């Protein structure tokens, strides 16, 4: 029987990067990992019909930078930026640090990548 390899793990470092970019000590690692999961679940449930293809989370010592790659940034931002402020406030409740939110436009979306379970 052949050995099964996870396709994402096989491609890491070659033609795909990590989805979370941070380093922590042993005590904080589990907390950050759970926060990343909760952030992705919140975006998955509340940012719908906007073609979100990727969510990248970067952490520094006091700040959490979340980049959402979407094909329809206008749906995420909302009228006059009202939805982005609501999303940012809710993400600050989830995260233990200050949150900075970036919305980036992508021409071709790969929705399966974020929402595959």
PDB file of N, CA and C in Angstrom:
ATOM      1  N   UNK A   1       0.835  -1.172   0.000  1.00  0.00           N
ATOM      2  CA  UNK A   1       0.000   0.000   0.000  1.00  0.00           C
ATOM      3  C   UNK A   1       0.886   1.243   0.000  1.00  0.00           C
ATOM      4  N   UNK A   2       0.555   2.217  -0.844  1.00  0.00           N
ATOM      5  CA  UNK A   2       1.363   3.425  -0.979  1.00  0.00           C
ATOM      6  C   UNK A   2       1.174   4.390   0.168  1.00  0.00           C
ATOM      7  N   UNK A   3       2.148   5.237   0.335  1.00  0.00           N
ATOM      8  CA  UNK A   3       2.093   6.246   1.384  1.00  0.00           C
ATOM      9  C   UNK A   3       1.314   7.455   0.879  1.00  0.00           C
ATOM     10  N   UNK A   4       0.352   7.912   1.647  1.00  0.00           N
ATOM     11  CA  UNK A   4      -0.461   9.060   1.271  1.00  0.00           C
ATOM     12  C   UNK A   4       0.160  10.323   1.866  1.00  0.00           C
ATOM     13  N   UNK A   5       0.340  11.324   1.021  1.00  0.00           N
ATOM     14  CA  UNK A   5       0.945  12.576   1.450  1.00  0.00           C
ATOM     15  C   UNK A   5      -0.078  13.694   1.266  1.00  0.00           C
ATOM     16  N   UNK A   6      -0.170  14.564   2.258  1.00  0.00           N
ATOM     17  CA  UNK A   6      -1.062  15.707   2.147  1.00  0.00           C
ATOM     18  C   UNK A   6      -0.549  16.645   1.058  1.00  0.00           C
ATOM     19  N   UNK A   7      -1.370  16.997   0.072  1.00  0.00           N
ATOM     20  CA  UNK A   7      -0.899  17.824  -1.033  1.00  0.00           C
ATOM     21  C   UNK A   7      -0.470  19.221  -0.613  1.00  0.00           C
ATOM     22  N   UNK A   8      -1.084  19.776   0.433  1.00  0.00           N
ATOM     23  CA  UNK A   8      -0.675  21.098   0.901  1.00  0.00           C
ATOM     24  C   UNK A   8       0.706  21.015   1.544  1.00  0.00           C
ATOM     25  N   UNK A   9       0.923  20.010   2.376  1.00  0.00           N
ATOM     26  CA  UNK A   9       2.225  19.835   3.016  1.00  0.00           C
ATOM     27  C   UNK A   9       3.325  19.560   2.009  1.00  0.00           C
ATOM     28  N   UNK A  10       2.995  18.897   0.931  1.00  0.00           N
ATOM     29  CA  UNK A  10       3.970  18.605  -0.111  1.00  0.00           C
ATOM     30  C   UNK A  10       4.412  19.872  -0.827  1.00  0.00           C
ATOM     31  N   UNK A  11       3.506  20.828  -1.000  1.00  0.00           N
ATOM     32  CA  UNK A  11       3.788  22.041  -1.770  1.00  0.00           C
ATOM     33  C   UNK A  11       4.341  23.192  -0.930  1.00  0.00           C
ATOM     34  N   UNK A  12       4.284  23.092   0.386  1.00  0.00           N
ATOM     35  CA  UNK A  12       4.758  24.184   1.237  1.00  0.00           C
ATOM     36  C   UNK A  12       6.232  24.469   0.988  1.00  0.00           C
ATOM     37  N   UNK A  13       6.534  25.739   0.800  1.00  0.00           N
ATOM     38  CA  UNK A  13       7.915  26.142   0.574  1.00  0.00           C
ATOM     39  C   UNK A  13       8.357  26.053  -0.865  1.00  0.00           C
ATOM     40  N   UNK A  14       7.619  25.364  -1.709  1.00  0.00           N
ATOM     41  CA  UNK A  14       7.986  25.240  -3.117  1.00  0.00           C
ATOM     42  C   UNK A  14       7.161  26.212  -3.950  1.00  0.00           C
ATOM     43  N   UNK A  15       5.866  25.984  -4.017  1.00  0.00           N
ATOM     44  CA  UNK A  15       5.011  26.899  -4.777  1.00  0.00           C
ATOM     45  C   UNK A  15       3.815  27.379  -3.965  1.00  0.00           C
ATOM     46  N   UNK A  16       3.851  27.203  -2.676  1.00  0.00           N
ATOM     47  CA  UNK A  16       2.802  27.695  -1.793  1.00  0.00           C
ATOM     48  C   UNK A  16       3.418  28.087  -0.456  1.00  0.00           C
ATOM     49  N   UNK A  17       2.888  29.146   0.145  1.00  0.00           N
ATOM     50  CA  UNK A  17       3.393  29.605   1.437  1.00  0.00           C
ATOM     51  C   UNK A  17       2.414  29.235   2.540  1.00  0.00           C
ATOM     52  N   UNK A  18       2.838  29.456   3.772  1.00  0.00           N
ATOM     53  CA  UNK A  18       1.992  29.195   4.922  1.00  0.00           C
ATOM     54  C   UNK A  18       0.834  30.178   4.935  1.00  0.00           C
ATOM     55  N   UNK A  19      -0.296  29.778   5.522  1.00  0.00           N
ATOM     56  CA  UNK A  19      -1.447  30.665   5.651  1.00  0.00           C
ATOM     57  C   UNK A  19      -1.372  31.503   6.921  1.00  0.00           C
ATOM     58  N   UNK A  20      -0.591  31.082   7.878  1.00  0.00           N
ATOM     59  CA  UNK A  20      -0.362  31.853   9.103  1.00  0.00           C
ATOM     60  C   UNK A  20       1.135  32.094   9.225  1.00  0.00           C
ATOM     61  N   UNK A  21       1.494  33.371   9.409  1.00  0.00           N
ATOM     62  CA  UNK A  21       2.911  33.733   9.469  1.00  0.00           C
ATOM     63  C   UNK A  21       3.182  34.362  10.826  1.00  0.00           C
ATOM     64  N   UNK A  22       3.677  33.572  11.764  1.00  0.00           N
ATOM     65  CA  UNK A  22       4.024  34.060  13.078  1.00  0.00           C
ATOM     66  C   UNK A  22       4.893  33.037  13.794  1.00  0.00           C
ATOM     67  N   UNK A  23       5.516  33.498  14.852  1.00  0.00           N
ATOM     68  CA  UNK A  23       6.346  32.644  15.697  1.00  0.00           C
ATOM     69  C   UNK A  23       5.992  32.943  17.140  1.00  0.00           C
ATOM     70  N   UNK A  24       5.944  31.913  17.972  1.00  0.00           N
ATOM     71  CA  UNK A  24       5.614  32.136  19.374  1.00  0.00           C
ATOM     72  C   UNK A  24       6.392  31.163  20.250  1.00  0.00           C
ATOM     73  N   UNK A  25       6.331  31.428  21.541  1.00  0.00           N
ATOM     74  CA  UNK A  25       6.921  30.519  22.506  1.00  0.00           C
ATOM     75  C   UNK A  25       5.942  29.380  22.764  1.00  0.00           C
ATOM     76  N   UNK A  26       6.389  28.363  23.450  1.00  0.00           N
ATOM     77  CA  UNK A  26       5.561  27.175  23.678  1.00  0.00           C
ATOM     78  C   UNK A  26       4.255  27.495  24.395  1.00  0.00           C
ATOM     79  N   UNK A  27       4.283  28.412  25.352  1.00  0.00           N
ATOM     80  CA  UNK A  27       3.090  28.736  26.120  1.00  0.00           C
ATOM     81  C   UNK A  27       2.005  29.383  25.262  1.00  0.00           C
ATOM     82  N   UNK A  28       2.408  30.218  24.299  1.00  0.00           N
ATOM     83  CA  UNK A  28       1.455  30.987  23.504  1.00  0.00           C
ATOM     84  C   UNK A  28       1.020  30.278  22.225  1.00  0.00           C
ATOM     85  N   UNK A  29       1.696  29.219  21.839  1.00  0.00           N
ATOM     86  CA  UNK A  29       1.434  28.575  20.549  1.00  0.00           C
ATOM     87  C   UNK A  29      -0.009  28.074  20.427  1.00  0.00           C
ATOM     88  N   UNK A  30      -0.498  27.388  21.424  1.00  0.00           N
ATOM     89  CA  UNK A  30      -1.852  26.851  21.386  1.00  0.00           C
ATOM     90  C   UNK A  30      -2.905  27.951  21.343  1.00  0.00           C
ATOM     91  N   UNK A  31      -2.670  29.013  22.096  1.00  0.00           N
ATOM     92  CA  UNK A  31      -3.600  30.137  22.125  1.00  0.00           C
ATOM     93  C   UNK A  31      -3.688  30.793  20.744  1.00  0.00           C
ATOM     94  N   UNK A  32      -2.535  31.018  20.103  1.00  0.00           N
ATOM     95  CA  UNK A  32      -2.523  31.631  18.771  1.00  0.00           C
ATOM     96  C   UNK A  32      -3.156  30.715  17.736  1.00  0.00           C
ATOM     97  N   UNK A  33      -2.928  29.439  17.857  1.00  0.00           N
ATOM     98  CA  UNK A  33      -3.500  28.481  16.908  1.00  0.00           C
ATOM     99  C   UNK A  33      -5.027  28.467  16.996  1.00  0.00           C
ATOM    100  N   UNK A  34      -5.553  28.493  18.199  1.00  0.00           N
ATOM    101  CA  UNK A  34      -7.007  28.533  18.379  1.00  0.00           C
ATOM    102  C   UNK A  34      -7.582  29.864  17.889  1.00  0.00           C
ATOM    103  N   UNK A  35      -6.870  30.960  18.144  1.00  0.00           N
ATOM    104  CA  UNK A  35      -7.318  32.265  17.641  1.00  0.00           C
ATOM    105  C   UNK A  35      -7.365  32.274  16.118  1.00  0.00           C
ATOM    106  N   UNK A  36      -6.344  31.715  15.464  1.00  0.00           N
ATOM    107  CA  UNK A  36      -6.332  31.647  13.999  1.00  0.00           C
ATOM    108  C   UNK A  36      -7.526  30.857  13.482  1.00  0.00           C
ATOM    109  N   UNK A  37      -7.825  29.751  14.134  1.00  0.00           N
ATOM    110  CA  UNK A  37      -8.966  28.930  13.719  1.00  0.00           C
ATOM    111  C   UNK A  37     -10.271  29.701  13.868  1.00  0.00           C
ATOM    112  N   UNK A  38     -10.436  30.389  15.001  1.00  0.00           N
ATOM    113  CA  UNK A  38     -11.664  31.148  15.239  1.00  0.00           C
ATOM    114  C   UNK A  38     -11.804  32.312  14.262  1.00  0.00           C
ATOM    115  N   UNK A  39     -10.695  32.955  13.924  1.00  0.00           N
ATOM    116  CA  UNK A  39     -10.721  34.051  12.946  1.00  0.00           C
ATOM    117  C   UNK A  39     -11.162  33.536  11.586  1.00  0.00           C
ATOM    118  N   UNK A  40     -10.595  32.415  11.153  1.00  0.00           N
ATOM    119  CA  UNK A  40     -10.976  31.846   9.851  1.00  0.00           C
ATOM    120  C   UNK A  40     -12.442  31.404   9.843  1.00  0.00           C
ATOM    121  N   UNK A  41     -12.915  30.820  10.937  1.00  0.00           N
ATOM    122  CA  UNK A  41     -14.320  30.409  11.019  1.00  0.00           C
ATOM    123  C   UNK A  41     -15.247  31.618  10.979  1.00  0.00           C
ATOM    124  N   UNK A  42     -14.872  32.702  11.661  1.00  0.00           N
ATOM    125  CA  UNK A  42     -15.691  33.908  11.641  1.00  0.00           C
ATOM    126  C   UNK A  42     -15.787  34.466  10.220  1.00  0.00           C
ATOM    127  N   UNK A  43     -14.669  34.532   9.525  1.00  0.00           N
ATOM    128  CA  UNK A  43     -14.662  35.048   8.154  1.00  0.00           C
ATOM    129  C   UNK A  43     -15.456  34.125   7.242  1.00  0.00           C
ATOM    130  N   UNK A  44     -15.331  32.829   7.438  1.00  0.00           N
ATOM    131  CA  UNK A  44     -16.060  31.866   6.623  1.00  0.00           C
ATOM    132  C   UNK A  44     -17.570  32.022   6.784  1.00  0.00           C
ATOM    133  N   UNK A  45     -18.043  32.292   8.009  1.00  0.00           N
ATOM    134  CA  UNK A  45     -19.474  32.390   8.262  1.00  0.00           C
ATOM    135  C   UNK A  45     -20.050  33.764   7.927  1.00  0.00           C
ATOM    136  N   UNK A  46     -19.296  34.840   8.151  1.00  0.00           N
ATOM    137  CA  UNK A  46     -19.852  36.177   8.043  1.00  0.00           C
ATOM    138  C   UNK A  46     -19.496  36.924   6.765  1.00  0.00           C
ATOM    139  N   UNK A  47     -18.448  36.526   6.076  1.00  0.00           N
ATOM    140  CA  UNK A  47     -18.103  37.169   4.815  1.00  0.00           C
ATOM    141  C   UNK A  47     -18.491  36.189   3.708  1.00  0.00           C
ATOM    142  N   UNK A  48     -19.783  36.219   3.355  1.00  0.00           N
ATOM    143  CA  UNK A  48     -20.302  35.274   2.376  1.00  0.00           C
ATOM    144  C   UNK A  48     -20.586  35.996   1.052  1.00  0.00           C
ATOM    145  N   UNK A  49     -20.652  35.221  -0.022  1.00  0.00           N
ATOM    146  CA  UNK A  49     -20.963  35.710  -1.369  1.00  0.00           C
ATOM    147  C   UNK A  49     -20.000  36.778  -1.861  1.00  0.00           C
ATOM    148  N   UNK A  50     -18.760  36.738  -1.400  1.00  0.00           N
ATOM    149  CA  UNK A  50     -17.784  37.723  -1.855  1.00  0.00           C
ATOM    150  C   UNK A  50     -16.578  37.067  -2.513  1.00  0.00           C
ATOM    151  N   UNK A  51     -16.565  35.758  -2.639  1.00  0.00           N
ATOM    152  CA  UNK A  51     -15.477  35.056  -3.328  1.00  0.00           C
ATOM    153  C   UNK A  51     -14.164  35.075  -2.578  1.00  0.00           C
ATOM    154  N   UNK A  52     -14.200  34.833  -1.287  1.00  0.00           N
ATOM    155  CA  UNK A  52     -12.972  34.805  -0.485  1.00  0.00           C
ATOM    156  C   UNK A  52     -12.180  33.558  -0.854  1.00  0.00           C
ATOM    157  N   UNK A  53     -10.931  33.766  -1.287  1.00  0.00           N
ATOM    158  CA  UNK A  53     -10.126  32.622  -1.685  1.00  0.00           C
ATOM    159  C   UNK A  53      -9.045  32.282  -0.671  1.00  0.00           C
ATOM    160  N   UNK A  54      -8.581  33.270   0.087  1.00  0.00           N
ATOM    161  CA  UNK A  54      -7.480  33.008   1.005  1.00  0.00           C
ATOM    162  C   UNK A  54      -7.512  34.012   2.154  1.00  0.00           C
ATOM    163  N   UNK A  55      -7.172  33.548   3.343  1.00  0.00           N
ATOM    164  CA  UNK A  55      -7.035  34.409   4.511  1.00  0.00           C
ATOM    165  C   UNK A  55      -5.655  34.167   5.089  1.00  0.00           C
ATOM    166  N   UNK A  56      -4.838  35.220   5.124  1.00  0.00           N
ATOM    167  CA  UNK A  56      -3.480  35.105   5.664  1.00  0.00           C
ATOM    168  C   UNK A  56      -3.412  35.907   6.954  1.00  0.00           C
ATOM    169  N   UNK A  57      -2.889  35.280   7.999  1.00  0.00           N
ATOM    170  CA  UNK A  57      -2.790  35.911   9.313  1.00  0.00           C
ATOM    171  C   UNK A  57      -1.311  36.060   9.662  1.00  0.00           C
ATOM    172  N   UNK A  58      -0.897  37.303   9.891  1.00  0.00           N
ATOM    173  CA  UNK A  58       0.481  37.597  10.296  1.00  0.00           C
ATOM    174  C   UNK A  58       0.429  38.224  11.682  1.00  0.00           C
ATOM    175  N   UNK A  59       1.350  37.830  12.542  1.00  0.00           N
ATOM    176  CA  UNK A  59       1.381  38.372  13.897  1.00  0.00           C
ATOM    177  C   UNK A  59       2.756  38.945  14.204  1.00  0.00           C
ATOM    178  N   UNK A  60       2.731  40.104  14.854  1.00  0.00           N
ATOM    179  CA  UNK A  60       3.930  40.652  15.463  1.00  0.00           C
ATOM    180  C   UNK A  60       3.711  40.593  16.967  1.00  0.00           C
ATOM    181  N   UNK A  61       4.550  41.254  17.738  1.00  0.00           N
ATOM    182  CA  UNK A  61       4.423  41.145  19.189  1.00  0.00           C
ATOM    183  C   UNK A  61       3.119  41.745  19.719  1.00  0.00           C
ATOM    184  N   UNK A  62       2.620  42.834  19.106  1.00  0.00           N
ATOM    185  CA  UNK A  62       1.419  43.473  19.632  1.00  0.00           C
ATOM    186  C   UNK A  62       0.323  43.638  18.598  1.00  0.00           C
ATOM    187  N   UNK A  63       0.525  43.171  17.384  1.00  0.00           N
ATOM    188  CA  UNK A  63      -0.430  43.428  16.329  1.00  0.00           C
ATOM    189  C   UNK A  63      -0.706  42.162  15.530  1.00  0.00           C
ATOM    190  N   UNK A  64      -1.938  42.023  15.065  1.00  0.00           N
ATOM    191  CA  UNK A  64      -2.348  40.909  14.218  1.00  0.00           C
ATOM    192  C   UNK A  64      -2.835  41.494  12.897  1.00  0.00           C
ATOM    193  N   UNK A  65      -2.175  41.141  11.798  1.00  0.00           N
ATOM    194  CA  UNK A  65      -2.523  41.654  10.476  1.00  0.00           C
ATOM    195  C   UNK A  65      -3.230  40.542   9.719  1.00  0.00           C
ATOM    196  N   UNK A  66      -4.487  40.785   9.342  1.00  0.00           N
ATOM    197  CA  UNK A  66      -5.291  39.798   8.630  1.00  0.00           C
ATOM    198  C   UNK A  66      -5.514  40.301   7.218  1.00  0.00           C
ATOM    199  N   UNK A  67      -5.105  39.508   6.229  1.00  0.00           N
ATOM    200  CA  UNK A  67      -5.295  39.849   4.825  1.00  0.00           C
ATOM    201  C   UNK A  67      -6.326  38.902   4.231  1.00  0.00           C
ATOM    202  N   UNK A  68      -7.392  39.482   3.679  1.00  0.00           N
ATOM    203  CA  UNK A  68      -8.445  38.694   3.057  1.00  0.00           C
ATOM    204  C   UNK A  68      -8.351  38.905   1.553  1.00  0.00           C
ATOM    205  N   UNK A  69      -8.100  37.827   0.816  1.00  0.00           N
ATOM    206  CA  UNK A  69      -8.028  37.882  -0.636  1.00  0.00           C
ATOM    207  C   UNK A  69      -9.394  37.493  -1.193  1.00  0.00           C
ATOM    208  N   UNK A  70     -10.016  38.411  -1.939  1.00  0.00           N
ATOM    209  CA  UNK A  70     -11.366  38.196  -2.425  1.00  0.00           C
ATOM    210  C   UNK A  70     -11.507  38.712  -3.855  1.00  0.00           C
ATOM    211  N   UNK A  71     -12.471  38.151  -4.573  1.00  0.00           N
ATOM    212  CA  UNK A  71     -12.719  38.608  -5.937  1.00  0.00           C
ATOM    213  C   UNK A  71     -13.670  39.798  -5.960  1.00  0.00           C
ATOM    214  N   UNK A  72     -14.429  40.000  -4.882  1.00  0.00           N
ATOM    215  CA  UNK A  72     -15.364  41.121  -4.793  1.00  0.00           C
ATOM    216  C   UNK A  72     -15.104  41.920  -3.511  1.00  0.00           C
ATOM    217  N   UNK A  73     -14.102  42.790  -3.516  1.00  0.00           N
ATOM    218  CA  UNK A  73     -13.796  43.539  -2.289  1.00  0.00           C
ATOM    219  C   UNK A  73     -14.907  44.488  -1.856  1.00  0.00           C
ATOM    220  N   UNK A  74     -15.739  44.942  -2.787  1.00  0.00           N
ATOM    221  CA  UNK A  74     -16.842  45.834  -2.439  1.00  0.00           C
ATOM    222  C   UNK A  74     -17.865  45.183  -1.527  1.00  0.00           C
ATOM    223  N   UNK A  75     -18.072  43.880  -1.673  1.00  0.00           N
ATOM    224  CA  UNK A  75     -19.002  43.164  -0.805  1.00  0.00           C
ATOM    225  C   UNK A  75     -18.461  43.078   0.624  1.00  0.00           C
ATOM    226  N   UNK A  76     -17.162  42.920   0.749  1.00  0.00           N
ATOM    227  CA  UNK A  76     -16.554  42.798   2.081  1.00  0.00           C
ATOM    228  C   UNK A  76     -16.515  44.160   2.769  1.00  0.00           C
ATOM    229  N   UNK A  77     -16.164  45.202   2.021  1.00  0.00           N
ATOM    230  CA  UNK A  77     -16.019  46.542   2.593  1.00  0.00           C
ATOM    231  C   UNK A  77     -17.370  47.137   2.955  1.00  0.00           C
ATOM    232  N   UNK A  78     -18.373  46.947   2.116  1.00  0.00           N
ATOM    233  CA  UNK A  78     -19.704  47.486   2.378  1.00  0.00           C
ATOM    234  C   UNK A  78     -19.814  48.938   1.971  1.00  0.00           C
ATOM    235  N   UNK A  79     -20.962  49.524   2.235  1.00  0.00           N
ATOM    236  CA  UNK A  79     -21.190  50.923   1.878  1.00  0.00           C
ATOM    237  C   UNK A  79     -20.407  51.835   2.808  1.00  0.00           C
ATOM    238  N   UNK A  80     -19.539  52.631   2.228  1.00  0.00           N
ATOM    239  CA  UNK A  80     -18.711  53.611   2.942  1.00  0.00           C
ATOM    240  C   UNK A  80     -17.857  52.972   4.039  1.00  0.00           C
ATOM    241  N   UNK A  81     -17.502  51.707   3.880  1.00  0.00           N
ATOM    242  CA  UNK A  81     -16.625  51.037   4.842  1.00  0.00           C
ATOM    243  C   UNK A  81     -17.291  50.638   6.136  1.00  0.00           C
ATOM    244  N   UNK A  82     -18.603  50.555   6.157  1.00  0.00           N
ATOM    245  CA  UNK A  82     -19.297  50.224   7.407  1.00  0.00           C
ATOM    246  C   UNK A  82     -19.093  48.768   7.805  1.00  0.00           C
ATOM    247  N   UNK A  83     -19.118  47.869   6.829  1.00  0.00           N
ATOM    248  CA  UNK A  83     -18.960  46.446   7.140  1.00  0.00           C
ATOM    249  C   UNK A  83     -17.546  46.109   7.592  1.00  0.00           C
ATOM    250  N   UNK A  84     -16.564  46.788   7.044  1.00  0.00           N
ATOM    251  CA  UNK A  84     -15.177  46.481   7.422  1.00  0.00           C
ATOM    252  C   UNK A  84     -14.920  46.861   8.881  1.00  0.00           C
ATOM    253  N   UNK A  85     -15.538  47.936   9.349  1.00  0.00           N
ATOM    254  CA  UNK A  85     -15.384  48.329  10.752  1.00  0.00           C
ATOM    255  C   UNK A  85     -16.054  47.309  11.675  1.00  0.00           C
ATOM    256  N   UNK A  86     -17.217  46.810  11.257  1.00  0.00           N
ATOM    257  CA  UNK A  86     -17.925  45.805  12.056  1.00  0.00           C
ATOM    258  C   UNK A  86     -17.099  44.520  12.141  1.00  0.00           C
ATOM    259  N   UNK A  87     -16.524  44.105  11.006  1.00  0.00           N
ATOM    260  CA  UNK A  87     -15.689  42.908  10.982  1.00  0.00           C
ATOM    261  C   UNK A  87     -14.459  43.099  11.862  1.00  0.00           C
ATOM    262  N   UNK A  88     -13.843  44.268  11.771  1.00  0.00           N
ATOM    263  CA  UNK A  88     -12.635  44.549  12.549  1.00  0.00           C
ATOM    264  C   UNK A  88     -12.921  44.510  14.057  1.00  0.00           C
ATOM    265  N   UNK A  89     -14.055  45.075  14.481  1.00  0.00           N
ATOM    266  CA  UNK A  89     -14.407  45.061  15.907  1.00  0.00           C
ATOM    267  C   UNK A  89     -14.630  43.639  16.406  1.00  0.00           C
ATOM    268  N   UNK A  90     -15.321  42.833  15.604  1.00  0.00           N
ATOM    269  CA  UNK A  90     -15.566  41.445  16.016  1.00  0.00           C
ATOM    270  C   UNK A  90     -14.287  40.621  16.033  1.00  0.00           C
ATOM    271  N   UNK A  91     -13.365  40.888  15.115  1.00  0.00           N
ATOM    272  CA  UNK A  91     -12.091  40.171  15.105  1.00  0.00           C
ATOM    273  C   UNK A  91     -11.220  40.585  16.295  1.00  0.00           C
ATOM    274  N   UNK A  92     -11.331  41.833  16.739  1.00  0.00           N
ATOM    275  CA  UNK A  92     -10.587  42.256  17.927  1.00  0.00           C
ATOM    276  C   UNK A  92     -11.100  41.569  19.186  1.00  0.00           C
ATOM    277  N   UNK A  93     -12.395  41.233  19.211  1.00  0.00           N
ATOM    278  CA  UNK A  93     -12.935  40.484  20.339  1.00  0.00           C
ATOM    279  C   UNK A  93     -12.374  39.068  20.372  1.00  0.00           C
ATOM    280  N   UNK A  94     -12.173  38.475  19.195  1.00  0.00           N
ATOM    281  CA  UNK A  94     -11.640  37.117  19.108  1.00  0.00           C
ATOM    282  C   UNK A  94     -10.154  37.097  19.441  1.00  0.00           C
ATOM    283  N   UNK A  95      -9.417  38.044  18.897  1.00  0.00           N
ATOM    284  CA  UNK A  95      -7.963  38.073  19.059  1.00  0.00           C
ATOM    285  C   UNK A  95      -7.580  38.796  20.346  1.00  0.00           C
ATOM    286  N   UNK A  96      -6.420  38.439  20.883  1.00  0.00           N
ATOM    287  CA  UNK A  96      -5.950  39.068  22.117  1.00  0.00           C
ATOM    288  C   UNK A  96      -5.103  40.300  21.832  1.00  0.00           C
ATOM    289  N   UNK A  97      -4.880  40.623  20.566  1.00  0.00           N
ATOM    290  CA  UNK A  97      -4.053  41.771  20.207  1.00  0.00           C
ATOM    291  C   UNK A  97      -4.799  42.688  19.247  1.00  0.00           C
ATOM    292  N   UNK A  98      -4.179  43.820  18.933  1.00  0.00           N
ATOM    293  CA  UNK A  98      -4.767  44.790  18.015  1.00  0.00           C
ATOM    294  C   UNK A  98      -4.833  44.194  16.612  1.00  0.00           C
ATOM    295  N   UNK A  99      -5.934  44.435  15.912  1.00  0.00           N
ATOM    296  CA  UNK A  99      -6.150  43.832  14.600  1.00  0.00           C
ATOM    297  C   UNK A  99      -6.076  44.894  13.512  1.00  0.00           C
ATOM    298  N   UNK A 100      -5.343  44.574  12.453  1.00  0.00           N
ATOM    299  CA  UNK A 100      -5.303  45.392  11.250  1.00  0.00           C
ATOM    300  C   UNK A 100      -5.830  44.530  10.114  1.00  0.00           C
ATOM    301  N   UNK A 101      -6.797  45.047   9.353  1.00  0.00           N
ATOM    302  CA  UNK A 101      -7.477  44.259   8.338  1.00  0.00           C
ATOM    303  C   UNK A 101      -7.150  44.800   6.957  1.00  0.00           C
ATOM    304  N   UNK A 102      -6.694  43.921   6.063  1.00  0.00           N
ATOM    305  CA  UNK A 102      -6.401  44.282   4.680  1.00  0.00           C
ATOM    306  C   UNK A 102      -7.305  43.478   3.762  1.00  0.00           C
ATOM    307  N   UNK A 103      -7.929  44.161   2.811  1.00  0.00           N
ATOM    308  CA  UNK A 103      -8.750  43.500   1.806  1.00  0.00           C
ATOM    309  C   UNK A 103      -8.021  43.647   0.481  1.00  0.00           C
ATOM    310  N   UNK A 104      -7.719  42.508  -0.171  1.00  0.00           N
ATOM    311  CA  UNK A 104      -6.988  42.539  -1.432  1.00  0.00           C
ATOM    312  C   UNK A 104      -7.800  41.845  -2.518  1.00  0.00           C
ATOM    313  N   UNK A 105      -7.773  42.419  -3.702  1.00  0.00           N
ATOM    314  CA  UNK A 105      -8.549  41.873  -4.809  1.00  0.00           C
ATOM    315  C   UNK A 105      -7.740  40.825  -5.562  1.00  0.00           C
ATOM    316  N   UNK A 106      -8.420  39.754  -5.943  1.00  0.00           N
ATOM    317  CA  UNK A 106      -7.828  38.662  -6.711  1.00  0.00           C
ATOM    318  C   UNK A 106      -8.679  38.487  -7.959  1.00  0.00           C
ATOM    319  N   UNK A 107      -8.044  38.284  -9.104  1.00  0.00           N
ATOM    320  CA  UNK A 107      -8.792  38.111 -10.347  1.00  0.00           C
ATOM    321  C   UNK A 107      -9.448  36.733 -10.425  1.00  0.00           C
ATOM    322  N   UNK A 108      -8.690  35.686 -10.141  1.00  0.00           N
ATOM    323  CA  UNK A 108      -9.226  34.328 -10.157  1.00  0.00           C
ATOM    324  C   UNK A 108      -9.259  33.800  -8.734  1.00  0.00           C
ATOM    325  N   UNK A 109     -10.426  33.366  -8.304  1.00  0.00           N
ATOM    326  CA  UNK A 109     -10.537  32.842  -6.949  1.00  0.00           C
ATOM    327  C   UNK A 109     -10.406  31.332  -6.950  1.00  0.00           C
ATOM    328  N   UNK A 110      -9.853  30.822  -5.880  1.00  0.00           N
ATOM    329  CA  UNK A 110      -9.798  29.385  -5.633  1.00  0.00           C
ATOM    330  C   UNK A 110     -10.515  29.152  -4.313  1.00  0.00           C
ATOM    331  N   UNK A 111     -11.818  29.099  -4.361  1.00  0.00           N
ATOM    332  CA  UNK A 111     -12.635  29.028  -3.156  1.00  0.00           C
ATOM    333  C   UNK A 111     -12.453  27.707  -2.423  1.00  0.00           C
ATOM    334  N   UNK A 112     -12.175  26.640  -3.121  1.00  0.00           N
ATOM    335  CA  UNK A 112     -12.015  25.340  -2.475  1.00  0.00           C
ATOM    336  C   UNK A 112     -10.896  25.351  -1.452  1.00  0.00           C
ATOM    337  N   UNK A 113      -9.871  26.183  -1.664  1.00  0.00           N
ATOM    338  CA  UNK A 113      -8.715  26.208  -0.805  1.00  0.00           C
ATOM    339  C   UNK A 113      -9.065  26.641   0.624  1.00  0.00           C
ATOM    340  N   UNK A 114      -9.935  27.630   0.771  1.00  0.00           N
ATOM    341  CA  UNK A 114     -10.295  28.100   2.092  1.00  0.00           C
ATOM    342  C   UNK A 114     -11.385  27.256   2.722  1.00  0.00           C
ATOM    343  N   UNK A 115     -12.355  26.841   1.942  1.00  0.00           N
ATOM    344  CA  UNK A 115     -13.526  26.194   2.497  1.00  0.00           C
ATOM    345  C   UNK A 115     -13.502  24.683   2.409  1.00  0.00           C
ATOM    346  N   UNK A 116     -12.402  24.077   2.041  1.00  0.00           N
ATOM    347  CA  UNK A 116     -12.359  22.615   2.019  1.00  0.00           C
ATOM    348  C   UNK A 116     -12.195  22.103   3.433  1.00  0.00           C
ATOM    349  N   UNK A 117     -12.966  21.105   3.774  1.00  0.00           N
ATOM    350  CA  UNK A 117     -12.912  20.558   5.129  1.00  0.00           C
ATOM    351  C   UNK A 117     -12.501  19.110   5.086  1.00  0.00           C
TER     352      UNK A 117
END
